[in-house]
């Protein structure tokens, strides 16, 4: 994720200062995800989760597209994950 931040021209150290981490659940293979509790830009705390797409999809009930939030289209996401995996690429899901 740090490499991704650099590619997006973000400074991870600055982001950590602006949005401190309050707690974390480390990755465990039996859970197939990890989670962090961070302070958001408005001072509210937010949970971020990353891990196996099928596990993350089980945890989500909605999705955000641009500025719109709506019902999660899990079938569409599963299809997209399968398409990427068929090309031999690993897929990591991220949710808030």
Protein backbone atom coordinates (compact mmCIF):
# COMPACT_ATOMS: atom_id res chain seq x y z
CA UNK A 1 0.00 0.00 0.00
CA UNK A 2 2.95 2.31 0.62
CA UNK A 3 4.15 1.75 -2.97
CA UNK A 4 0.65 2.59 -4.20
CA UNK A 5 0.68 5.79 -2.15
CA UNK A 6 4.00 6.83 -3.69
CA UNK A 7 2.69 6.08 -7.19
CA UNK A 8 -0.31 8.30 -6.42
CA UNK A 9 2.18 11.02 -5.41
CA UNK A 10 1.12 10.85 -1.76
CA UNK A 11 3.54 11.01 1.16
CA UNK A 12 2.74 8.12 3.56
CA UNK A 13 4.49 9.85 6.48
CA UNK A 14 2.41 13.00 5.97
CA UNK A 15 -0.79 10.93 5.65
CA UNK A 16 0.05 9.10 8.90
CA UNK A 17 0.50 12.44 10.67
CA UNK A 18 -2.78 13.82 9.31
CA UNK A 19 -4.76 10.61 9.91
CA UNK A 20 -3.28 8.76 12.90
CA UNK A 21 -3.93 5.05 13.38
CA UNK A 22 -5.77 4.22 16.57
CA UNK A 23 -5.79 0.43 16.34
CA UNK A 24 -5.17 -2.46 13.98
CA UNK A 25 -6.09 -6.10 13.47
CA UNK A 26 -3.11 -7.75 11.77
CA UNK A 27 -3.57 -10.07 8.81
CA UNK A 28 -4.27 -13.69 9.71
CA UNK A 29 -4.72 -16.45 7.15
CA UNK A 30 -7.78 -17.84 8.95
CA UNK A 31 -9.49 -14.41 8.72
CA UNK A 32 -8.06 -13.55 5.26
CA UNK A 33 -8.07 -9.80 5.99
CA UNK A 34 -6.46 -7.07 8.08
CA UNK A 35 -8.09 -3.92 9.40
CA UNK A 36 -7.10 -0.55 10.80
CA UNK A 37 -8.96 2.12 12.74
CA UNK A 38 -7.77 5.53 11.57
CA UNK A 39 -8.75 9.11 12.19
CA UNK A 40 -10.42 10.64 9.14
CA UNK A 41 -10.06 14.19 7.82
CA UNK A 42 -13.13 15.35 9.76
CA UNK A 43 -11.86 13.90 13.06
CA UNK A 44 -14.20 10.92 12.88
CA UNK A 45 -12.67 7.47 13.05
CA UNK A 46 -12.93 5.11 10.10
CA UNK A 47 -12.20 1.40 9.68
CA UNK A 48 -10.24 0.31 6.60
CA UNK A 49 -10.07 -3.36 5.62
CA UNK A 50 -7.98 -5.14 3.00
CA UNK A 51 -7.76 -8.79 2.11
CA UNK A 52 -9.21 -11.59 0.01
CA UNK A 53 -11.98 -10.19 -2.23
CA UNK A 54 -14.47 -12.95 -1.36
CA UNK A 55 -13.99 -12.25 2.36
CA UNK A 56 -14.24 -8.48 1.99
CA UNK A 57 -17.40 -8.80 -0.14
CA UNK A 58 -19.00 -10.82 2.68
CA UNK A 59 -18.42 -7.87 5.01
CA UNK A 60 -19.82 -5.14 2.75
CA UNK A 61 -23.39 -4.03 2.21
CA UNK A 62 -22.90 -1.00 -0.02
CA UNK A 63 -20.47 0.44 -2.53
CA UNK A 64 -19.46 3.92 -3.52
CA UNK A 65 -19.20 5.03 -7.15
CA UNK A 66 -17.89 8.55 -7.36
CA UNK A 67 -20.02 10.60 -4.97
CA UNK A 68 -22.90 8.09 -5.01
CA UNK A 69 -23.42 5.28 -2.48
CA UNK A 70 -25.69 2.38 -3.34
CA UNK A 71 -26.36 -1.30 -2.79
CA UNK A 72 -23.38 -3.58 -3.26
CA UNK A 73 -23.37 -5.40 -6.60
CA UNK A 74 -21.38 -8.38 -5.31
CA UNK A 75 -21.94 -10.45 -8.45
CA UNK A 76 -20.41 -7.72 -10.60
CA UNK A 77 -17.41 -7.51 -8.28
CA UNK A 78 -16.97 -11.31 -8.23
CA UNK A 79 -17.03 -11.36 -12.04
CA UNK A 80 -14.42 -8.61 -12.20
CA UNK A 81 -12.19 -10.42 -9.66
CA UNK A 82 -12.46 -13.63 -11.73
CA UNK A 83 -11.50 -11.75 -14.92
CA UNK A 84 -8.39 -10.34 -13.27
CA UNK A 85 -7.43 -13.67 -11.66
CA UNK A 86 -7.79 -15.46 -15.01
CA UNK A 87 -4.98 -13.24 -16.30
CA UNK A 88 -2.77 -14.61 -13.54
CA UNK A 89 -2.91 -11.47 -11.40
CA UNK A 90 -3.49 -11.43 -7.66
CA UNK A 91 -6.46 -9.42 -6.46
CA UNK A 92 -6.63 -7.54 -3.18
CA UNK A 93 -9.85 -5.91 -2.03
CA UNK A 94 -9.95 -2.72 0.01
CA UNK A 95 -13.02 -1.38 1.84
CA UNK A 96 -13.91 1.40 4.21
